[in-house]
Amino acid sequence: MTNKVPSWLPNKLCYADYNGDWDKFIESVYKIFQSDFKDTKPIFRNLFVIHDSRIEFGKEAGFWHIIQKDEASGERLPDLRRCEHISWPRPMIDNSDDVVISLWENEIKKPGHGRQTRVSIWLENEDYIVILKQANNCYVLVTAYCVLFESYREKLRKQRDNYYKTKAAP
């Protein structure tokens, strides 16, 4: 892994450039999501990456999942960092074979949904991760977010390292 920022990684949006106009900012965020995940679809491991297209509050649930975070109250609210990074999930998926990316799978059990294979695409040096779910003949964009705490970075490193050890074992 290298500390160099990859040339394929676009600049983040900056809320300050919108002079406090949240609605204008969110529309710009949505336009990037629309371009990257609706107008065209990324391909990962030769399969399309789709998103949850159910409409919630006038936009796709997949959009809300990558720009909102869970609050202690149980509500999901827009997160400025996630919004500013909206241009990163697509190029990370497209460039997931780059040496700066850590990529691994893990099985999780979701109540009511059974077992799922999740793929983590982590740009560790930039503290950003994209999560995909393996589905029938496609992958589904689950979420994407900034990794903010060292304890969580350690958890991700442990998952990744365990996956690599398991895959390298005879």
N, C-alpha and C. Protein backbone atom coordinates (compact mmCIF):
# COMPACT_ATOMS: atom_id res chain seq x y z
N MET A 1 0.84 -1.18 0.00
CA MET A 1 0.00 0.00 0.00
C MET A 1 0.89 1.24 0.00
N THR A 2 0.42 2.28 -0.67
CA THR A 2 1.18 3.51 -0.79
C THR A 2 0.38 4.67 -0.19
N ASN A 3 1.08 5.73 0.21
CA ASN A 3 0.42 6.90 0.78
C ASN A 3 0.00 7.91 -0.28
N LYS A 4 0.33 7.64 -1.52
CA LYS A 4 0.02 8.55 -2.61
C LYS A 4 -1.49 8.55 -2.90
N VAL A 5 -2.06 9.73 -3.09
CA VAL A 5 -3.47 9.83 -3.46
C VAL A 5 -3.57 9.42 -4.93
N PRO A 6 -4.44 8.47 -5.24
CA PRO A 6 -4.53 8.00 -6.62
C PRO A 6 -5.01 9.09 -7.58
N SER A 7 -4.46 9.10 -8.77
CA SER A 7 -4.82 10.12 -9.77
C SER A 7 -6.28 9.99 -10.22
N TRP A 8 -6.86 8.80 -10.07
CA TRP A 8 -8.24 8.59 -10.50
C TRP A 8 -9.27 9.08 -9.48
N LEU A 9 -8.81 9.52 -8.31
CA LEU A 9 -9.74 9.97 -7.26
C LEU A 9 -10.09 11.44 -7.48
N PRO A 10 -11.38 11.74 -7.72
CA PRO A 10 -11.76 13.14 -7.96
C PRO A 10 -11.73 13.97 -6.67
N ASN A 11 -11.78 15.27 -6.86
CA ASN A 11 -11.87 16.17 -5.71
C ASN A 11 -13.22 15.99 -5.03
N LYS A 12 -13.23 16.26 -3.74
CA LYS A 12 -14.47 16.23 -2.98
C LYS A 12 -15.27 17.50 -3.29
N LEU A 13 -16.57 17.42 -3.10
CA LEU A 13 -17.38 18.63 -3.13
C LEU A 13 -17.10 19.39 -1.85
N CYS A 14 -17.35 20.66 -1.86
CA CYS A 14 -17.14 21.46 -0.65
C CYS A 14 -18.42 22.27 -0.37
N TYR A 15 -19.05 21.97 0.74
CA TYR A 15 -20.29 22.65 1.10
C TYR A 15 -20.10 24.16 1.14
N ALA A 16 -18.92 24.62 1.56
CA ALA A 16 -18.65 26.06 1.66
C ALA A 16 -18.79 26.75 0.30
N ASP A 17 -18.57 26.01 -0.78
CA ASP A 17 -18.71 26.59 -2.12
C ASP A 17 -20.16 26.91 -2.49
N TYR A 18 -21.11 26.45 -1.68
CA TYR A 18 -22.52 26.66 -1.95
C TYR A 18 -23.12 27.76 -1.09
N ASN A 19 -22.28 28.53 -0.41
CA ASN A 19 -22.69 29.70 0.37
C ASN A 19 -23.85 29.40 1.32
N GLY A 20 -23.80 28.22 1.94
CA GLY A 20 -24.82 27.87 2.93
C GLY A 20 -26.15 27.44 2.33
N ASP A 21 -26.21 27.27 1.02
CA ASP A 21 -27.46 26.84 0.38
C ASP A 21 -27.52 25.31 0.36
N TRP A 22 -28.11 24.74 1.41
CA TRP A 22 -28.15 23.28 1.57
C TRP A 22 -28.89 22.61 0.42
N ASP A 23 -30.02 23.19 -0.01
CA ASP A 23 -30.79 22.59 -1.10
C ASP A 23 -29.98 22.51 -2.39
N LYS A 24 -29.27 23.58 -2.70
CA LYS A 24 -28.44 23.60 -3.91
C LYS A 24 -27.30 22.57 -3.79
N PHE A 25 -26.73 22.48 -2.60
CA PHE A 25 -25.65 21.53 -2.35
C PHE A 25 -26.16 20.09 -2.54
N ILE A 26 -27.30 19.76 -1.92
CA ILE A 26 -27.85 18.40 -2.03
C ILE A 26 -28.20 18.08 -3.48
N GLU A 27 -28.68 19.03 -4.23
CA GLU A 27 -28.97 18.78 -5.65
C GLU A 27 -27.69 18.48 -6.42
N SER A 28 -26.60 19.15 -6.09
CA SER A 28 -25.31 18.85 -6.73
C SER A 28 -24.82 17.46 -6.34
N VAL A 29 -25.00 17.12 -5.07
CA VAL A 29 -24.64 15.78 -4.59
C VAL A 29 -25.45 14.74 -5.35
N TYR A 30 -26.75 14.99 -5.48
CA TYR A 30 -27.62 14.04 -6.16
C TYR A 30 -27.25 13.90 -7.64
N LYS A 31 -26.88 14.99 -8.29
CA LYS A 31 -26.49 14.93 -9.71
C LYS A 31 -25.29 14.01 -9.91
N ILE A 32 -24.36 14.02 -8.98
CA ILE A 32 -23.21 13.11 -9.08
C ILE A 32 -23.67 11.67 -8.89
N PHE A 33 -24.51 11.43 -7.90
CA PHE A 33 -25.06 10.09 -7.70
C PHE A 33 -25.79 9.63 -8.96
N GLN A 34 -26.60 10.50 -9.52
CA GLN A 34 -27.37 10.18 -10.72
C GLN A 34 -26.44 9.81 -11.87
N SER A 35 -25.41 10.60 -12.08
CA SER A 35 -24.46 10.33 -13.16
C SER A 35 -23.70 9.03 -12.94
N ASP A 36 -23.29 8.79 -11.70
CA ASP A 36 -22.44 7.63 -11.39
C ASP A 36 -23.20 6.32 -11.21
N PHE A 37 -24.47 6.38 -10.81
CA PHE A 37 -25.18 5.15 -10.47
C PHE A 37 -26.53 4.97 -11.18
N LYS A 38 -27.05 6.01 -11.80
CA LYS A 38 -28.32 5.87 -12.51
C LYS A 38 -28.13 5.92 -14.02
N ASP A 39 -27.46 6.98 -14.49
CA ASP A 39 -27.26 7.14 -15.93
C ASP A 39 -26.37 6.04 -16.50
N THR A 40 -25.40 5.64 -15.72
CA THR A 40 -24.53 4.51 -16.06
C THR A 40 -24.38 3.68 -14.79
N LYS A 41 -23.95 2.46 -14.95
CA LYS A 41 -23.78 1.60 -13.78
C LYS A 41 -22.33 1.13 -13.72
N PRO A 42 -21.73 1.19 -12.54
CA PRO A 42 -20.38 0.63 -12.42
C PRO A 42 -20.42 -0.88 -12.63
N ILE A 43 -19.28 -1.42 -12.98
CA ILE A 43 -19.15 -2.87 -13.12
C ILE A 43 -18.07 -3.32 -12.13
N PHE A 44 -18.42 -4.34 -11.34
CA PHE A 44 -17.49 -4.91 -10.37
C PHE A 44 -17.49 -6.41 -10.59
N ARG A 45 -16.30 -6.97 -10.79
CA ARG A 45 -16.16 -8.40 -11.06
C ARG A 45 -17.09 -8.86 -12.19
N ASN A 46 -17.12 -8.07 -13.22
CA ASN A 46 -17.91 -8.36 -14.43
C ASN A 46 -19.42 -8.36 -14.21
N LEU A 47 -19.87 -7.78 -13.11
CA LEU A 47 -21.31 -7.67 -12.85
C LEU A 47 -21.66 -6.20 -12.57
N PHE A 48 -22.86 -5.81 -12.96
CA PHE A 48 -23.31 -4.44 -12.69
C PHE A 48 -23.46 -4.22 -11.19
N VAL A 49 -23.22 -2.98 -10.79
CA VAL A 49 -23.51 -2.53 -9.42
C VAL A 49 -24.78 -1.70 -9.51
N ILE A 50 -25.79 -2.15 -8.79
CA ILE A 50 -27.06 -1.43 -8.77
C ILE A 50 -27.23 -0.79 -7.39
N HIS A 51 -28.30 -0.05 -7.23
CA HIS A 51 -28.60 0.58 -5.93
C HIS A 51 -30.07 0.36 -5.62
N ASP A 52 -30.43 0.60 -4.39
CA ASP A 52 -31.82 0.49 -3.96
C ASP A 52 -32.59 1.63 -4.63
N SER A 53 -33.47 1.29 -5.56
CA SER A 53 -34.15 2.32 -6.35
C SER A 53 -35.52 2.71 -5.79
N ARG A 54 -35.87 2.18 -4.62
CA ARG A 54 -37.13 2.62 -3.99
C ARG A 54 -37.04 4.12 -3.72
N ILE A 55 -38.11 4.84 -3.98
CA ILE A 55 -38.11 6.29 -3.79
C ILE A 55 -38.52 6.63 -2.36
N GLU A 56 -37.67 7.40 -1.71
CA GLU A 56 -37.92 7.91 -0.37
C GLU A 56 -37.62 9.40 -0.38
N PHE A 57 -38.55 10.21 0.03
CA PHE A 57 -38.36 11.66 0.07
C PHE A 57 -37.90 12.20 -1.28
N GLY A 58 -38.46 11.63 -2.35
CA GLY A 58 -38.20 12.14 -3.69
C GLY A 58 -36.92 11.65 -4.37
N LYS A 59 -36.13 10.83 -3.68
CA LYS A 59 -34.89 10.32 -4.26
C LYS A 59 -34.73 8.85 -3.88
N GLU A 60 -33.86 8.15 -4.58
CA GLU A 60 -33.66 6.73 -4.35
C GLU A 60 -33.10 6.44 -2.97
N ALA A 61 -33.56 5.34 -2.39
CA ALA A 61 -33.05 4.92 -1.07
C ALA A 61 -31.54 4.71 -1.12
N GLY A 62 -31.02 4.21 -2.24
CA GLY A 62 -29.57 4.02 -2.38
C GLY A 62 -28.79 5.31 -2.24
N PHE A 63 -29.36 6.40 -2.71
CA PHE A 63 -28.74 7.72 -2.54
C PHE A 63 -28.68 8.08 -1.06
N TRP A 64 -29.83 7.95 -0.39
CA TRP A 64 -29.87 8.32 1.03
C TRP A 64 -28.91 7.47 1.86
N HIS A 65 -28.75 6.20 1.49
CA HIS A 65 -27.87 5.33 2.27
C HIS A 65 -26.41 5.73 2.20
N ILE A 66 -26.00 6.38 1.12
CA ILE A 66 -24.59 6.77 1.07
C ILE A 66 -24.34 8.20 1.52
N ILE A 67 -25.40 8.96 1.78
CA ILE A 67 -25.17 10.32 2.28
C ILE A 67 -25.68 10.54 3.70
N GLN A 68 -26.37 9.55 4.26
CA GLN A 68 -26.90 9.71 5.62
C GLN A 68 -26.21 8.75 6.57
N LYS A 69 -26.28 9.08 7.85
CA LYS A 69 -25.78 8.16 8.87
C LYS A 69 -26.84 8.01 9.95
N ASP A 70 -26.72 6.91 10.68
CA ASP A 70 -27.64 6.65 11.80
C ASP A 70 -27.26 7.53 12.97
N GLU A 71 -28.26 8.15 13.53
CA GLU A 71 -28.06 8.95 14.74
C GLU A 71 -28.45 8.11 15.95
N ALA A 72 -28.03 8.54 17.12
CA ALA A 72 -28.35 7.83 18.36
C ALA A 72 -29.87 7.73 18.56
N SER A 73 -30.60 8.69 18.01
CA SER A 73 -32.06 8.70 18.14
C SER A 73 -32.73 7.64 17.28
N GLY A 74 -31.95 7.01 16.39
CA GLY A 74 -32.52 6.03 15.48
C GLY A 74 -32.87 6.64 14.13
N GLU A 75 -32.80 7.96 14.04
CA GLU A 75 -33.06 8.66 12.78
C GLU A 75 -31.84 8.57 11.88
N ARG A 76 -32.07 8.66 10.57
CA ARG A 76 -30.97 8.78 9.61
C ARG A 76 -30.98 10.23 9.11
N LEU A 77 -29.84 10.89 9.25
CA LEU A 77 -29.74 12.29 8.84
C LEU A 77 -28.56 12.47 7.89
N PRO A 78 -28.67 13.44 6.95
CA PRO A 78 -27.54 13.69 6.05
C PRO A 78 -26.27 14.01 6.83
N ASP A 79 -25.17 13.48 6.33
CA ASP A 79 -23.86 13.68 6.94
C ASP A 79 -23.02 14.48 5.95
N LEU A 80 -22.52 15.63 6.38
CA LEU A 80 -21.77 16.51 5.49
C LEU A 80 -20.56 15.81 4.87
N ARG A 81 -19.82 15.04 5.65
CA ARG A 81 -18.64 14.34 5.11
C ARG A 81 -19.04 13.37 4.00
N ARG A 82 -20.10 12.60 4.25
CA ARG A 82 -20.56 11.65 3.23
C ARG A 82 -20.99 12.39 1.96
N CYS A 83 -21.69 13.49 2.13
CA CYS A 83 -22.11 14.28 0.97
C CYS A 83 -20.90 14.80 0.19
N GLU A 84 -19.92 15.33 0.89
CA GLU A 84 -18.75 15.90 0.22
C GLU A 84 -17.93 14.84 -0.52
N HIS A 85 -18.04 13.57 -0.11
CA HIS A 85 -17.31 12.47 -0.75
C HIS A 85 -18.13 11.75 -1.83
N ILE A 86 -19.27 12.27 -2.23
CA ILE A 86 -20.17 11.58 -3.14
C ILE A 86 -19.51 11.17 -4.46
N SER A 87 -18.49 11.87 -4.87
CA SER A 87 -17.83 11.55 -6.14
C SER A 87 -16.81 10.41 -6.00
N TRP A 88 -16.63 9.84 -4.82
CA TRP A 88 -15.63 8.80 -4.62
C TRP A 88 -16.10 7.35 -4.81
N PRO A 89 -17.33 6.98 -4.45
CA PRO A 89 -17.69 5.55 -4.57
C PRO A 89 -17.50 4.97 -5.97
N ARG A 90 -17.95 5.65 -6.98
CA ARG A 90 -17.86 5.11 -8.34
C ARG A 90 -16.40 4.87 -8.76
N PRO A 91 -15.51 5.85 -8.65
CA PRO A 91 -14.13 5.56 -9.06
C PRO A 91 -13.45 4.51 -8.18
N MET A 92 -13.85 4.39 -6.92
CA MET A 92 -13.28 3.34 -6.08
C MET A 92 -13.72 1.96 -6.56
N ILE A 93 -14.98 1.85 -6.97
CA ILE A 93 -15.46 0.58 -7.52
C ILE A 93 -14.74 0.30 -8.84
N ASP A 94 -14.67 1.32 -9.68
CA ASP A 94 -14.04 1.16 -11.00
C ASP A 94 -12.56 0.82 -10.90
N ASN A 95 -11.91 1.26 -9.84
CA ASN A 95 -10.46 1.06 -9.68
C ASN A 95 -10.13 0.16 -8.50
N SER A 96 -11.04 -0.74 -8.17
CA SER A 96 -10.87 -1.58 -6.99
C SER A 96 -9.67 -2.52 -7.07
N ASP A 97 -9.10 -2.68 -8.25
CA ASP A 97 -7.91 -3.53 -8.38
C ASP A 97 -6.60 -2.74 -8.20
N ASP A 98 -6.70 -1.45 -7.95
CA ASP A 98 -5.51 -0.63 -7.71
C ASP A 98 -4.88 -1.05 -6.37
N VAL A 99 -3.55 -1.00 -6.30
CA VAL A 99 -2.84 -1.42 -5.08
C VAL A 99 -3.16 -0.56 -3.86
N VAL A 100 -3.69 0.64 -4.06
CA VAL A 100 -4.02 1.50 -2.92
C VAL A 100 -5.34 1.09 -2.25
N ILE A 101 -6.06 0.19 -2.88
CA ILE A 101 -7.35 -0.27 -2.37
C ILE A 101 -7.18 -1.59 -1.62
N SER A 102 -7.79 -1.67 -0.46
CA SER A 102 -7.94 -2.95 0.24
C SER A 102 -9.33 -3.46 -0.08
N LEU A 103 -9.43 -4.73 -0.44
CA LEU A 103 -10.71 -5.31 -0.82
C LEU A 103 -10.85 -6.67 -0.16
N TRP A 104 -11.97 -6.90 0.49
CA TRP A 104 -12.21 -8.20 1.11
C TRP A 104 -13.71 -8.45 1.22
N GLU A 105 -14.04 -9.70 1.47
CA GLU A 105 -15.43 -10.12 1.64
C GLU A 105 -15.63 -10.60 3.07
N ASN A 106 -16.85 -10.46 3.54
CA ASN A 106 -17.22 -11.09 4.79
C ASN A 106 -18.70 -11.45 4.74
N GLU A 107 -19.02 -12.52 5.45
CA GLU A 107 -20.39 -13.00 5.53
C GLU A 107 -21.03 -12.38 6.76
N ILE A 108 -22.24 -11.87 6.57
CA ILE A 108 -22.97 -11.34 7.72
C ILE A 108 -24.37 -11.96 7.71
N LYS A 109 -24.98 -11.98 8.85
CA LYS A 109 -26.36 -12.46 8.96
C LYS A 109 -27.22 -11.26 9.32
N LYS A 110 -28.16 -10.95 8.44
CA LYS A 110 -29.07 -9.84 8.67
C LYS A 110 -30.43 -10.39 9.07
N PRO A 111 -30.97 -9.98 10.21
CA PRO A 111 -32.29 -10.47 10.62
C PRO A 111 -33.32 -10.24 9.51
N GLY A 112 -34.01 -11.30 9.17
CA GLY A 112 -35.03 -11.20 8.14
C GLY A 112 -34.51 -11.30 6.71
N HIS A 113 -33.18 -11.28 6.55
CA HIS A 113 -32.59 -11.32 5.22
C HIS A 113 -31.64 -12.51 5.03
N GLY A 114 -31.37 -13.25 6.08
CA GLY A 114 -30.44 -14.38 5.97
C GLY A 114 -29.00 -13.94 5.87
N ARG A 115 -28.18 -14.82 5.32
CA ARG A 115 -26.75 -14.54 5.18
C ARG A 115 -26.50 -13.73 3.92
N GLN A 116 -25.57 -12.80 4.03
CA GLN A 116 -25.18 -11.96 2.90
C GLN A 116 -23.67 -11.93 2.79
N THR A 117 -23.19 -11.88 1.56
CA THR A 117 -21.77 -11.63 1.33
C THR A 117 -21.61 -10.15 1.05
N ARG A 118 -20.82 -9.50 1.87
CA ARG A 118 -20.54 -8.07 1.71
C ARG A 118 -19.10 -7.92 1.24
N VAL A 119 -18.88 -6.98 0.35
CA VAL A 119 -17.54 -6.66 -0.15
C VAL A 119 -17.18 -5.27 0.34
N SER A 120 -16.03 -5.18 1.00
CA SER A 120 -15.53 -3.89 1.46
C SER A 120 -14.45 -3.43 0.51
N ILE A 121 -14.55 -2.18 0.07
CA ILE A 121 -13.57 -1.55 -0.80
C ILE A 121 -13.07 -0.33 -0.04
N TRP A 122 -11.87 -0.46 0.52
CA TRP A 122 -11.38 0.54 1.46
C TRP A 122 -10.16 1.26 0.92
N LEU A 123 -10.27 2.57 0.85
CA LEU A 123 -9.13 3.42 0.53
C LEU A 123 -8.61 3.93 1.87
N GLU A 124 -7.79 3.08 2.47
CA GLU A 124 -7.37 3.30 3.86
C GLU A 124 -6.69 4.64 4.07
N ASN A 125 -5.80 5.02 3.17
CA ASN A 125 -5.06 6.28 3.37
C ASN A 125 -5.93 7.52 3.30
N GLU A 126 -7.11 7.37 2.74
CA GLU A 126 -8.06 8.49 2.67
C GLU A 126 -9.24 8.28 3.62
N ASP A 127 -9.20 7.19 4.40
CA ASP A 127 -10.24 6.91 5.39
C ASP A 127 -11.64 6.88 4.80
N TYR A 128 -11.79 6.14 3.68
CA TYR A 128 -13.09 6.05 3.03
C TYR A 128 -13.34 4.62 2.58
N ILE A 129 -14.56 4.16 2.78
CA ILE A 129 -14.90 2.77 2.45
C ILE A 129 -16.25 2.72 1.71
N VAL A 130 -16.33 1.79 0.77
CA VAL A 130 -17.56 1.52 0.03
C VAL A 130 -17.93 0.07 0.33
N ILE A 131 -19.19 -0.17 0.60
CA ILE A 131 -19.68 -1.51 0.90
C ILE A 131 -20.68 -1.94 -0.17
N LEU A 132 -20.42 -3.11 -0.75
CA LEU A 132 -21.33 -3.71 -1.73
C LEU A 132 -21.87 -5.01 -1.16
N LYS A 133 -23.04 -5.39 -1.61
CA LYS A 133 -23.64 -6.67 -1.25
C LYS A 133 -23.72 -7.51 -2.51
N GLN A 134 -23.28 -8.76 -2.40
CA GLN A 134 -23.40 -9.67 -3.53
C GLN A 134 -24.84 -10.14 -3.64
N ALA A 135 -25.39 -10.07 -4.84
CA ALA A 135 -26.76 -10.52 -5.09
C ALA A 135 -26.75 -11.42 -6.32
N ASN A 136 -27.91 -11.85 -6.74
CA ASN A 136 -28.00 -12.69 -7.94
C ASN A 136 -27.63 -11.88 -9.17
N ASN A 137 -26.54 -12.24 -9.81
CA ASN A 137 -26.12 -11.62 -11.07
C ASN A 137 -25.81 -10.14 -11.00
N CYS A 138 -25.54 -9.62 -9.81
CA CYS A 138 -25.17 -8.21 -9.67
C CYS A 138 -24.60 -7.98 -8.26
N TYR A 139 -24.14 -6.77 -8.04
CA TYR A 139 -23.78 -6.30 -6.70
C TYR A 139 -24.68 -5.12 -6.40
N VAL A 140 -24.95 -4.90 -5.13
CA VAL A 140 -25.80 -3.80 -4.70
C VAL A 140 -24.96 -2.85 -3.85
N LEU A 141 -25.02 -1.57 -4.18
CA LEU A 141 -24.36 -0.55 -3.37
C LEU A 141 -25.11 -0.45 -2.05
N VAL A 142 -24.43 -0.77 -0.96
CA VAL A 142 -25.07 -0.73 0.35
C VAL A 142 -24.87 0.63 0.99
N THR A 143 -23.61 1.07 1.07
CA THR A 143 -23.30 2.35 1.70
C THR A 143 -21.87 2.74 1.37
N ALA A 144 -21.50 3.92 1.78
CA ALA A 144 -20.13 4.43 1.65
C ALA A 144 -19.98 5.51 2.72
N TYR A 145 -18.81 5.55 3.35
CA TYR A 145 -18.65 6.51 4.44
C TYR A 145 -17.18 6.72 4.79
N CYS A 146 -16.95 7.78 5.54
CA CYS A 146 -15.62 8.08 6.06
C CYS A 146 -15.38 7.26 7.32
N VAL A 147 -14.19 6.74 7.44
CA VAL A 147 -13.79 6.00 8.64
C VAL A 147 -13.15 7.02 9.58
N LEU A 148 -13.82 7.29 10.69
CA LEU A 148 -13.43 8.41 11.54
C LEU A 148 -12.62 8.03 12.78
N PHE A 149 -12.73 6.79 13.24
CA PHE A 149 -12.13 6.44 14.51
C PHE A 149 -11.08 5.35 14.37
N GLU A 150 -10.01 5.47 15.11
CA GLU A 150 -8.93 4.49 15.03
C GLU A 150 -9.42 3.11 15.44
N SER A 151 -10.31 3.03 16.40
CA SER A 151 -10.82 1.72 16.81
C SER A 151 -11.55 1.04 15.65
N TYR A 152 -12.23 1.80 14.83
CA TYR A 152 -12.91 1.22 13.67
C TYR A 152 -11.91 0.84 12.58
N ARG A 153 -10.87 1.68 12.40
CA ARG A 153 -9.81 1.33 11.45
C ARG A 153 -9.18 0.00 11.84
N GLU A 154 -8.95 -0.20 13.12
CA GLU A 154 -8.37 -1.46 13.60
C GLU A 154 -9.31 -2.63 13.30
N LYS A 155 -10.60 -2.43 13.50
CA LYS A 155 -11.57 -3.47 13.19
C LYS A 155 -11.53 -3.83 11.71
N LEU A 156 -11.47 -2.82 10.85
CA LEU A 156 -11.40 -3.06 9.41
C LEU A 156 -10.11 -3.78 9.02
N ARG A 157 -9.00 -3.35 9.60
CA ARG A 157 -7.72 -4.02 9.31
C ARG A 157 -7.77 -5.49 9.72
N LYS A 158 -8.38 -5.76 10.86
CA LYS A 158 -8.48 -7.14 11.33
C LYS A 158 -9.34 -7.97 10.37
N GLN A 159 -10.48 -7.43 9.94
CA GLN A 159 -11.33 -8.13 8.97
C GLN A 159 -10.55 -8.42 7.70
N ARG A 160 -9.90 -7.39 7.18
CA ARG A 160 -9.13 -7.53 5.95
C ARG A 160 -8.03 -8.56 6.09
N ASP A 161 -7.25 -8.45 7.15
CA ASP A 161 -6.12 -9.36 7.35
C ASP A 161 -6.59 -10.80 7.53
N ASN A 162 -7.67 -11.00 8.27
CA ASN A 162 -8.23 -12.35 8.43
C ASN A 162 -8.71 -12.91 7.09
N TYR A 163 -9.32 -12.08 6.27
CA TYR A 163 -9.76 -12.52 4.95
C TYR A 163 -8.56 -12.94 4.09
N TYR A 164 -7.51 -12.11 4.09
CA TYR A 164 -6.33 -12.43 3.29
C TYR A 164 -5.66 -13.70 3.77
N LYS A 165 -5.61 -13.92 5.09
CA LYS A 165 -5.02 -15.14 5.63
C LYS A 165 -5.82 -16.36 5.21
N THR A 166 -7.14 -16.24 5.29
CA THR A 166 -8.03 -17.34 4.92
C THR A 166 -7.89 -17.67 3.43
N LYS A 167 -7.80 -16.66 2.60
CA LYS A 167 -7.71 -16.87 1.16
C LYS A 167 -6.33 -17.42 0.76
N ALA A 168 -5.32 -17.13 1.53
CA ALA A 168 -3.97 -17.59 1.21
C ALA A 168 -3.72 -19.00 1.75
N ALA A 169 -4.55 -19.44 2.68
CA ALA A 169 -4.36 -20.77 3.28
C ALA A 169 -4.66 -21.85 2.25
N PRO A 170 -3.94 -23.00 2.34
CA PRO A 170 -4.15 -24.10 1.38
C PRO A 170 -5.51 -24.76 1.54
